[in-house]
C-alpha atoms as a PDB file:
ATOM      1  CA  MET A   1     172.241 141.064 115.997  1.00  0.00           C
ATOM      2  CA  GLN A   2     173.003 137.379 116.359  1.00  0.00           C
ATOM      3  CA  ARG A   3     169.893 136.917 118.464  1.00  0.00           C
ATOM      4  CA  GLU A   4     167.763 138.628 115.826  1.00  0.00           C
ATOM      5  CA  GLY A   5     169.212 136.302 113.206  1.00  0.00           C
ATOM      6  CA  GLN A   6     168.394 133.279 115.358  1.00  0.00           C
ATOM      7  CA  ALA A   7     164.873 134.579 115.947  1.00  0.00           C
ATOM      8  CA  ILE A   8     164.350 135.035 112.214  1.00  0.00           C
ATOM      9  CA  LEU A   9     165.713 131.554 111.553  1.00  0.00           C
ATOM     10  CA  VAL A  10     163.391 130.040 114.160  1.00  0.00           C
ATOM     11  CA  ALA A  11     160.445 131.941 112.670  1.00  0.00           C
ATOM     12  CA  VAL A  12     161.309 130.690 109.183  1.00  0.00           C
ATOM     13  CA  PHE A  13     161.620 127.091 110.376  1.00  0.00           C
ATOM     14  CA  THR A  14     158.347 127.397 112.276  1.00  0.00           C
ATOM     15  CA  LEU A  15     156.589 128.804 109.196  1.00  0.00           C
ATOM     16  CA  VAL A  16     158.010 126.040 106.989  1.00  0.00           C
ATOM     17  CA  PHE A  17     156.978 123.431 109.552  1.00  0.00           C
ATOM     18  CA  LEU A  18     153.438 124.835 109.708  1.00  0.00           C
ATOM     19  CA  CYS A  19     153.244 124.859 105.919  1.00  0.00           C
ATOM     20  CA  ILE A  20     154.354 121.226 105.798  1.00  0.00           C
ATOM     21  CA  ILE A  21     151.741 120.319 108.422  1.00  0.00           C
ATOM     22  CA  LEU A  22     149.056 122.159 106.446  1.00  0.00           C
ATOM     23  CA  ILE A  23     150.082 120.389 103.227  1.00  0.00           C
ATOM     24  CA  ILE A  24     149.998 116.991 104.971  1.00  0.00           C
ATOM     25  CA  LEU A  25     146.570 117.754 106.475  1.00  0.00           C
ATOM     26  CA  PHE A  26     145.305 118.921 103.083  1.00  0.00           C
ATOM     27  CA  VAL A  27     146.553 115.721 101.399  1.00  0.00           C
ATOM     28  CA  ILE A  28     144.914 113.586 104.116  1.00  0.00           C
ATOM     29  CA  PHE A  29     141.696 115.572 103.766  1.00  0.00           C
ATOM     30  CA  GLN A  30     141.696 115.125  99.967  1.00  0.00           C
ATOM     31  CA  LYS A  31     142.321 111.390 100.283  1.00  0.00           C
ATOM     32  CA  ARG A  32     139.475 111.006 102.756  1.00  0.00           C
ATOM     33  CA  LYS A  33     137.234 113.160 100.601  1.00  0.00           C
ATOM     34  CA  ASN A  34     138.030 111.108  97.510  1.00  0.00           C
ATOM     35  CA  ALA A  35     137.481 107.890  99.478  1.00  0.00           C
ATOM     36  CA  LEU A  36     134.095 109.132 100.685  1.00  0.00           C
ATOM     37  CA  LEU A  37     133.115 110.223  97.172  1.00  0.00           C
ATOM     38  CA  LEU A  38     134.142 106.820  95.828  1.00  0.00           C
ATOM     39  CA  GLU A  39     132.194 105.058  98.573  1.00  0.00           C
ATOM     40  CA  GLN A  40     129.180 107.259  97.864  1.00  0.00           C
ATOM     41  CA  LYS A  41     129.409 106.466  94.160  1.00  0.00           C
ATOM     42  CA  VAL A  42     129.668 102.734  94.876  1.00  0.00           C
ATOM     43  CA  ASN A  43     126.664 102.945  97.233  1.00  0.00           C
ATOM     44  CA  GLU A  44     124.659 104.856  94.630  1.00  0.00           C
ATOM     45  CA  GLN A  45     125.517 102.256  91.984  1.00  0.00           C
ATOM     46  CA  HIS A  46     124.533  99.464  94.387  1.00  0.00           C
ATOM     47  CA  PHE A  47     121.258 101.260  95.182  1.00  0.00           C
ATOM     48  CA  GLU A  48     120.463 101.736  91.486  1.00  0.00           C
ATOM     49  CA  GLN A  49     121.278  98.082  90.774  1.00  0.00           C
ATOM     50  CA  GLU A  50     118.999  96.933  93.575  1.00  0.00           C
ATOM     51  CA  ILE A  51     116.183  99.196  92.362  1.00  0.00           C
ATOM     52  CA  SER A  52     116.582  97.868  88.803  1.00  0.00           C
ATOM     53  CA  LYS A  53     116.575  94.309  90.140  1.00  0.00           C
ATOM     54  CA  MET A  54     113.367  94.954  92.067  1.00  0.00           C
ATOM     55  CA  GLN A  55     111.713  96.563  89.045  1.00  0.00           C
ATOM     56  CA  ILE A  56     112.459  93.416  87.045  1.00  0.00           C
ATOM     57  CA  GLU A  57     111.098  91.238  89.858  1.00  0.00           C
ATOM     58  CA  ILE A  58     107.929  93.349  90.005  1.00  0.00           C
ATOM     59  CA  ARG A  59     107.385  92.867  86.275  1.00  0.00           C
ATOM     60  CA  GLU A  60     108.030  89.129  86.520  1.00  0.00           C
ATOM     61  CA  GLU A  61     105.528  88.833  89.372  1.00  0.00           C
ATOM     62  CA  THR A  62     103.043  90.925  87.390  1.00  0.00           C
ATOM     63  CA  PHE A  63     103.405  88.674  84.358  1.00  0.00           C
ATOM     64  CA  ARG A  64     102.841  85.592  86.546  1.00  0.00           C
ATOM     65  CA  ASN A  65      99.672  87.183  87.927  1.00  0.00           C
ATOM     66  CA  ILE A  66      98.565  88.045  84.408  1.00  0.00           C
ATOM     67  CA  SER A  67      99.068  84.466  83.238  1.00  0.00           C
ATOM     68  CA  TRP A  68      96.894  83.262  86.135  1.00  0.00           C
ATOM     69  CA  GLU A  69      94.236  85.820  85.321  1.00  0.00           C
ATOM     70  CA  LEU A  70      94.235  84.916  81.644  1.00  0.00           C
ATOM     71  CA  HIS A  71      93.669  81.285  82.574  1.00  0.00           C
ATOM     72  CA  ASP A  72      91.416  81.588  85.611  1.00  0.00           C
ATOM     73  CA  ASN A  73      89.329  84.652  84.770  1.00  0.00           C
ATOM     74  CA  ILE A  74      89.356  85.773  81.165  1.00  0.00           C
ATOM     75  CA  GLY A  75      89.579  82.194  79.924  1.00  0.00           C
ATOM     76  CA  GLN A  76      86.470  81.292  81.914  1.00  0.00           C
ATOM     77  CA  LEU A  77      84.565  84.334  80.643  1.00  0.00           C
ATOM     78  CA  ILE A  78      85.350  83.501  77.013  1.00  0.00           C
ATOM     79  CA  THR A  79      84.447  79.830  77.617  1.00  0.00           C
ATOM     80  CA  LEU A  80      81.174  80.969  79.159  1.00  0.00           C
ATOM     81  CA  ALA A  81      80.421  83.133  76.105  1.00  0.00           C
ATOM     82  CA  LYS A  82      81.181  80.143  73.858  1.00  0.00           C
ATOM     83  CA  ILE A  83      78.833  77.887  75.867  1.00  0.00           C
ATOM     84  CA  GLN A  84      76.155  80.561  75.797  1.00  0.00           C
ATOM     85  CA  LEU A  85      76.519  80.865  72.039  1.00  0.00           C
ATOM     86  CA  GLN A  86      76.264  77.083  71.545  1.00  0.00           C
ATOM     87  CA  SER A  87      73.294  76.742  73.886  1.00  0.00           C
ATOM     88  CA  GLY A  88      71.344  79.516  72.158  1.00  0.00           C
ATOM     89  CA  ALA A  89      71.475  82.002  75.030  1.00  0.00           C
ATOM     90  CA  SER A  90      70.228  85.537  74.484  1.00  0.00           C
ATOM     91  CA  ILE A  91      72.402  88.073  72.699  1.00  0.00           C
ATOM     92  CA  GLU A  92      72.369  90.238  75.820  1.00  0.00           C
ATOM     93  CA  ASP A  93      73.858  87.450  77.974  1.00  0.00           C
ATOM     94  CA  ILE A  94      76.570  86.724  75.415  1.00  0.00           C
ATOM     95  CA  LYS A  95      77.297  90.446  75.030  1.00  0.00           C
ATOM     96  CA  GLU A  96      77.609  90.822  78.822  1.00  0.00           C
ATOM     97  CA  SER A  97      80.165  87.990  79.005  1.00  0.00           C
ATOM     98  CA  LEU A  98      82.186  89.439  76.140  1.00  0.00           C
ATOM     99  CA  ASP A  99      82.039  92.934  77.651  1.00  0.00           C
ATOM    100  CA  LYS A 100      83.432  91.556  80.931  1.00  0.00           C
ATOM    101  CA  SER A 101      86.197  89.801  79.002  1.00  0.00           C
ATOM    102  CA  LEU A 102      87.070  93.020  77.171  1.00  0.00           C
ATOM    103  CA  LYS A 103      87.130  94.974  80.432  1.00  0.00           C
ATOM    104  CA  GLU A 104      89.501  92.441  81.996  1.00  0.00           C
ATOM    105  CA  VAL A 105      91.774  92.520  78.932  1.00  0.00           C
ATOM    106  CA  ARG A 106      92.006  96.326  79.182  1.00  0.00           C
ATOM    107  CA  THR A 107      92.870  96.045  82.886  1.00  0.00           C
ATOM    108  CA  LEU A 108      95.638  93.582  82.049  1.00  0.00           C
ATOM    109  CA  SER A 109      96.994  95.774  79.268  1.00  0.00           C
ATOM    110  CA  ARG A 110      97.513  98.594  81.761  1.00  0.00           C
ATOM    111  CA  ALA A 111      99.298  96.213  84.146  1.00  0.00           C
ATOM    112  CA  ILE A 112     101.643  95.019  81.390  1.00  0.00           C
ATOM    113  CA  ASN A 113     102.844  98.568  80.746  1.00  0.00           C
ATOM    114  CA  PRO A 114     106.457  98.815  82.085  1.00  0.00           C
ATOM    115  CA  GLU A 115     105.749 102.356  83.268  1.00  0.00           C
ATOM    116  CA  ALA A 116     102.591 101.292  85.122  1.00  0.00           C
ATOM    117  CA  LEU A 117     104.061 101.576  88.635  1.00  0.00           C
ATOM    118  CA  LYS A 118     105.995 104.732  87.732  1.00  0.00           C
ATOM    119  CA  ASN A 119     102.815 106.464  86.596  1.00  0.00           C
ATOM    120  CA  THR A 120     100.687 105.102  89.439  1.00  0.00           C
ATOM    121  CA  SER A 121     100.781 106.018  93.102  1.00  0.00           C
ATOM    122  CA  LEU A 122     101.793 103.378  95.613  1.00  0.00           C
ATOM    123  CA  THR A 123      98.282 103.129  97.055  1.00  0.00           C
ATOM    124  CA  LYS A 124      96.717 102.633  93.604  1.00  0.00           C
ATOM    125  CA  ALA A 125      99.297  99.995  92.668  1.00  0.00           C
ATOM    126  CA  ILE A 126      98.554  98.105  95.890  1.00  0.00           C
ATOM    127  CA  GLN A 127      94.805  98.432  95.333  1.00  0.00           C
ATOM    128  CA  GLN A 128      95.173  96.986  91.833  1.00  0.00           C
ATOM    129  CA  GLU A 129      97.010  93.965  93.247  1.00  0.00           C
ATOM    130  CA  LEU A 130      94.333  93.407  95.893  1.00  0.00           C
ATOM    131  CA  ASP A 131      91.554  93.877  93.313  1.00  0.00           C
ATOM    132  CA  ARG A 132      93.142  91.098  91.256  1.00  0.00           C
ATOM    133  CA  PHE A 133      93.210  88.748  94.260  1.00  0.00           C
ATOM    134  CA  ASN A 134      89.540  89.485  94.963  1.00  0.00           C
ATOM    135  CA  ARG A 135      88.578  89.147  91.309  1.00  0.00           C
ATOM    136  CA  LEU A 136      90.261  85.755  91.029  1.00  0.00           C
ATOM    137  CA  GLN A 137      88.893  84.756  94.460  1.00  0.00           C
ATOM    138  CA  TYR A 138      92.365  83.783  95.676  1.00  0.00           C
ATOM    139  CA  ILE A 139      91.761  85.547  98.971  1.00  0.00           C
ATOM    140  CA  GLU A 140      89.568  88.235 100.495  1.00  0.00           C
ATOM    141  CA  ALA A 141      91.775  91.351 100.447  1.00  0.00           C
ATOM    142  CA  GLU A 142      91.239  94.921 101.599  1.00  0.00           C
ATOM    143  CA  LEU A 143      93.183  98.181 101.740  1.00  0.00           C
ATOM    144  CA  ILE A 144      92.610 100.807 104.438  1.00  0.00           C
ATOM    145  CA  ILE A 145      94.204 104.255 104.041  1.00  0.00           C
ATOM    146  CA  THR A 146      94.252 106.905 106.763  1.00  0.00           C
ATOM    147  CA  GLY A 147      95.757 110.385 106.784  1.00  0.00           C
ATOM    148  CA  LYS A 148      96.466 112.675 103.871  1.00  0.00           C
ATOM    149  CA  GLU A 149      98.409 110.822 101.196  1.00  0.00           C
ATOM    150  CA  LYS A 150     101.851 112.262 100.495  1.00  0.00           C
ATOM    151  CA  ILE A 151     104.079 111.885  97.462  1.00  0.00           C
ATOM    152  CA  ILE A 152     107.038 109.607  98.154  1.00  0.00           C
ATOM    153  CA  ASN A 153     110.150 109.219  96.036  1.00  0.00           C
ATOM    154  CA  HIS A 154     109.483 106.703  93.237  1.00  0.00           C
ATOM    155  CA  GLU A 155     112.482 104.520  94.094  1.00  0.00           C
ATOM    156  CA  VAL A 156     111.249 104.223  97.673  1.00  0.00           C
ATOM    157  CA  GLU A 157     107.804 103.249  96.386  1.00  0.00           C
ATOM    158  CA  VAL A 158     109.413 100.518  94.267  1.00  0.00           C
ATOM    159  CA  VAL A 159     111.012  99.053  97.399  1.00  0.00           C
ATOM    160  CA  PHE A 160     107.731  99.254  99.336  1.00  0.00           C
ATOM    161  CA  PHE A 161     105.787  97.612  96.540  1.00  0.00           C
ATOM    162  CA  ARG A 162     108.293  94.783  96.089  1.00  0.00           C
ATOM    163  CA  ILE A 163     108.324  94.063  99.837  1.00  0.00           C
ATOM    164  CA  LEU A 164     104.532  93.887  99.850  1.00  0.00           C
ATOM    165  CA  GLN A 165     104.531  91.731  96.726  1.00  0.00           C
ATOM    166  CA  GLU A 166     106.707  89.209  98.543  1.00  0.00           C
ATOM    167  CA  PHE A 167     104.339  89.283 101.514  1.00  0.00           C
ATOM    168  CA  PHE A 168     101.325  88.795  99.197  1.00  0.00           C
ATOM    169  CA  SER A 169     103.021  85.901  97.428  1.00  0.00           C
ATOM    170  CA  ASN A 170     103.786  84.183 100.731  1.00  0.00           C
ATOM    171  CA  THR A 171     100.241  84.706 101.977  1.00  0.00           C
ATOM    172  CA  ILE A 172      98.640  83.205  98.873  1.00  0.00           C
ATOM    173  CA  LYS A 173     101.125  80.375  98.242  1.00  0.00           C
ATOM    174  CA  HIS A 174     102.102  79.272 101.742  1.00  0.00           C
ATOM    175  CA  ALA A 175      99.920  80.739 104.490  1.00  0.00           C
ATOM    176  CA  ASN A 176      96.564  79.111 103.599  1.00  0.00           C
ATOM    177  CA  ALA A 177      94.973  82.406 104.618  1.00  0.00           C
ATOM    178  CA  SER A 178      91.421  83.499 103.823  1.00  0.00           C
ATOM    179  CA  HIS A 179      91.891  87.212 104.551  1.00  0.00           C
ATOM    180  CA  LEU A 180      94.584  89.762 103.741  1.00  0.00           C
ATOM    181  CA  LYS A 181      94.508  93.328 105.073  1.00  0.00           C
ATOM    182  CA  ILE A 182      96.809  96.233 104.245  1.00  0.00           C
ATOM    183  CA  MET A 183      96.703  99.424 106.305  1.00  0.00           C
ATOM    184  CA  ILE A 184      98.575 102.565 105.244  1.00  0.00           C
ATOM    185  CA  ASN A 185      98.735 105.551 107.558  1.00  0.00           C
ATOM    186  CA  PHE A 186     100.208 108.807 106.269  1.00  0.00           C
ATOM    187  CA  ASP A 187     101.228 110.336 109.568  1.00  0.00           C
ATOM    188  CA  LYS A 188     102.654 113.817 110.037  1.00  0.00           C
ATOM    189  CA  ASN A 189     106.274 112.659 110.101  1.00  0.00           C
ATOM    190  CA  GLU A 190     106.228 109.205 108.514  1.00  0.00           C
ATOM    191  CA  VAL A 191     104.259 106.674 106.517  1.00  0.00           C
ATOM    192  CA  ASN A 192     103.352 103.453 108.316  1.00  0.00           C
ATOM    193  CA  ILE A 193     102.306 100.271 106.527  1.00  0.00           C
ATOM    194  CA  ILE A 194     100.872  97.171 108.157  1.00  0.00           C
ATOM    195  CA  ALA A 195     100.224  93.997 106.159  1.00  0.00           C
ATOM    196  CA  GLU A 196      98.564  91.085 107.917  1.00  0.00           C
ATOM    197  CA  ASP A 197      96.960  87.764 107.084  1.00  0.00           C
ATOM    198  CA  ASN A 198      95.046  85.177 109.098  1.00  0.00           C
ATOM    199  CA  GLY A 199      97.065  82.248 107.778  1.00  0.00           C
ATOM    200  CA  LYS A 200      98.782  79.355 109.508  1.00  0.00           C
ATOM    201  CA  GLY A 201     101.761  81.489 110.547  1.00  0.00           C
ATOM    202  CA  PHE A 202     105.165  80.122 111.478  1.00  0.00           C
ATOM    203  CA  ASN A 203     107.670  80.100 114.322  1.00  0.00           C
ATOM    204  CA  ILE A 204     109.807  83.078 113.369  1.00  0.00           C
ATOM    205  CA  LYS A 205     112.379  82.428 116.126  1.00  0.00           C
ATOM    206  CA  ASN A 206     113.107  78.819 115.228  1.00  0.00           C
ATOM    207  CA  ASN A 207     112.902  78.934 111.434  1.00  0.00           C
ATOM    208  CA  PRO A 208     113.405  82.486 110.133  1.00  0.00           C
ATOM    209  CA  GLU A 209     115.029  81.261 106.927  1.00  0.00           C
ATOM    210  CA  ASP A 210     112.453  78.530 106.212  1.00  0.00           C
ATOM    211  CA  SER A 211     109.393  80.696 106.724  1.00  0.00           C
ATOM    212  CA  GLY A 212     108.746  81.055 103.001  1.00  0.00           C
ATOM    213  CA  ILE A 213     108.555  84.814 103.259  1.00  0.00           C
ATOM    214  CA  GLY A 214     112.209  85.610 102.622  1.00  0.00           C
ATOM    215  CA  LEU A 215     112.674  87.542 105.855  1.00  0.00           C
ATOM    216  CA  LEU A 216     116.325  88.368 105.316  1.00  0.00           C
ATOM    217  CA  ASN A 217     115.616  89.572 101.787  1.00  0.00           C
ATOM    218  CA  ILE A 218     112.787  91.807 102.965  1.00  0.00           C
ATOM    219  CA  GLU A 219     114.867  93.239 105.817  1.00  0.00           C
ATOM    220  CA  LYS A 220     117.776  94.054 103.492  1.00  0.00           C
ATOM    221  CA  ARG A 221     115.456  95.894 101.136  1.00  0.00           C
ATOM    222  CA  ALA A 222     114.008  97.945 103.971  1.00  0.00           C
ATOM    223  CA  GLN A 223     117.527  98.836 105.124  1.00  0.00           C
ATOM    224  CA  LEU A 224     118.345  99.958 101.586  1.00  0.00           C
ATOM    225  CA  ILE A 225     116.040 102.972 101.966  1.00  0.00           C
ATOM    226  CA  GLY A 226     116.437 103.465 105.712  1.00  0.00           C
ATOM    227  CA  ALA A 227     112.987 102.104 106.564  1.00  0.00           C
ATOM    228  CA  LYS A 228     112.158 100.299 109.797  1.00  0.00           C
ATOM    229  CA  ILE A 229     110.621  96.854 109.429  1.00  0.00           C
ATOM    230  CA  ASN A 230     109.342  94.223 111.806  1.00  0.00           C
ATOM    231  CA  ILE A 231     107.648  90.890 111.116  1.00  0.00           C
ATOM    232  CA  GLU A 232     105.598  89.024 113.699  1.00  0.00           C
ATOM    233  CA  SER A 233     104.166  85.547 113.345  1.00  0.00           C
ATOM    234  CA  ALA A 234     103.154  82.536 115.396  1.00  0.00           C
ATOM    235  CA  ILE A 235     101.731  79.137 114.591  1.00  0.00           C
ATOM    236  CA  ASN A 236      97.993  79.416 113.749  1.00  0.00           C
ATOM    237  CA  GLU A 237      98.031  83.163 114.484  1.00  0.00           C
ATOM    238  CA  GLY A 238      98.832  84.580 111.056  1.00  0.00           C
ATOM    239  CA  THR A 239     101.619  86.937 110.060  1.00  0.00           C
ATOM    240  CA  LYS A 240     102.033  90.707 110.410  1.00  0.00           C
ATOM    241  CA  LEU A 241     104.513  92.993 108.692  1.00  0.00           C
ATOM    242  CA  TYR A 242     105.176  96.491 110.060  1.00  0.00           C
ATOM    243  CA  LEU A 243     106.940  99.002 107.833  1.00  0.00           C
ATOM    244  CA  SER A 244     107.636 102.660 108.638  1.00  0.00           C
ATOM    245  CA  TYR A 245     109.481 105.325 106.687  1.00  0.00           C
ATOM    246  CA  PRO A 246     110.191 108.898 107.890  1.00  0.00           C
ATOM    247  CA  TYR A 247     109.594 111.661 105.343  1.00  0.00           C
ATOM    248  CA  THR A 248     112.865 113.295 106.432  1.00  0.00           C
ATOM    249  CA  LYS A 249     114.754 110.546 104.541  1.00  0.00           C
ATOM    250  CA  ASP A 250     112.833 111.246 101.344  1.00  0.00           C
ATOM    251  CA  ILE A 251     114.188 113.561  98.663  1.00  0.00           C
ATOM    252  CA  SER A 252     110.768 114.087  97.138  1.00  0.00           C
ATOM    253  CA  LYS A 253     107.963 115.366  99.355  1.00  0.00           C
END
């Protein structure tokens, strides 16, 4: 009888001990879960802030391009129409100059629209940028697309576009390049983007921070979406940017 009582007592203590262990494990699990949820929320907020920041930068860059185009392109067309009018040129010539001016103004009005990138595919947005460079004769630019184009999450496209904008800006302002080529390949499992110019290049190993391209900034933005990025350059050999993004990371296919 005494042994049975001891056995029951041991069983009760064991059960209580197991319950305490389970409660402790549950509390630890909840704390870790809450910590992970908090970290996820902080990461999501950081991601959204970075995307918003890039959207603002894209608009600022667009407005700068528009100001150049107003001065260098539309301004010249209107001046030409004025000269034609003063010199007694034919109505057809004057009308042609004004029609070109109107067409350019309409193109700019679409670019000014804050929702322009959101309502335009990545390839079309890039083509519009390159068309502007060609139109203003800043540089000879071309876009080559291979594979069947796939829909990518808009926020990822924003990051891609901003990275390429920074590359374009460096090419035009610092590289003294005459040719800019963008190649986009929609592969089965990932999208690959190559941007290259034939500019003066730079020594990426010795002066990564003074290259004018903002390498660290570009790399951080690629990491933000889990994209792989690599930049190659050498003195007098131009600059190449390689960017790849697997569709498995995308929430919108």
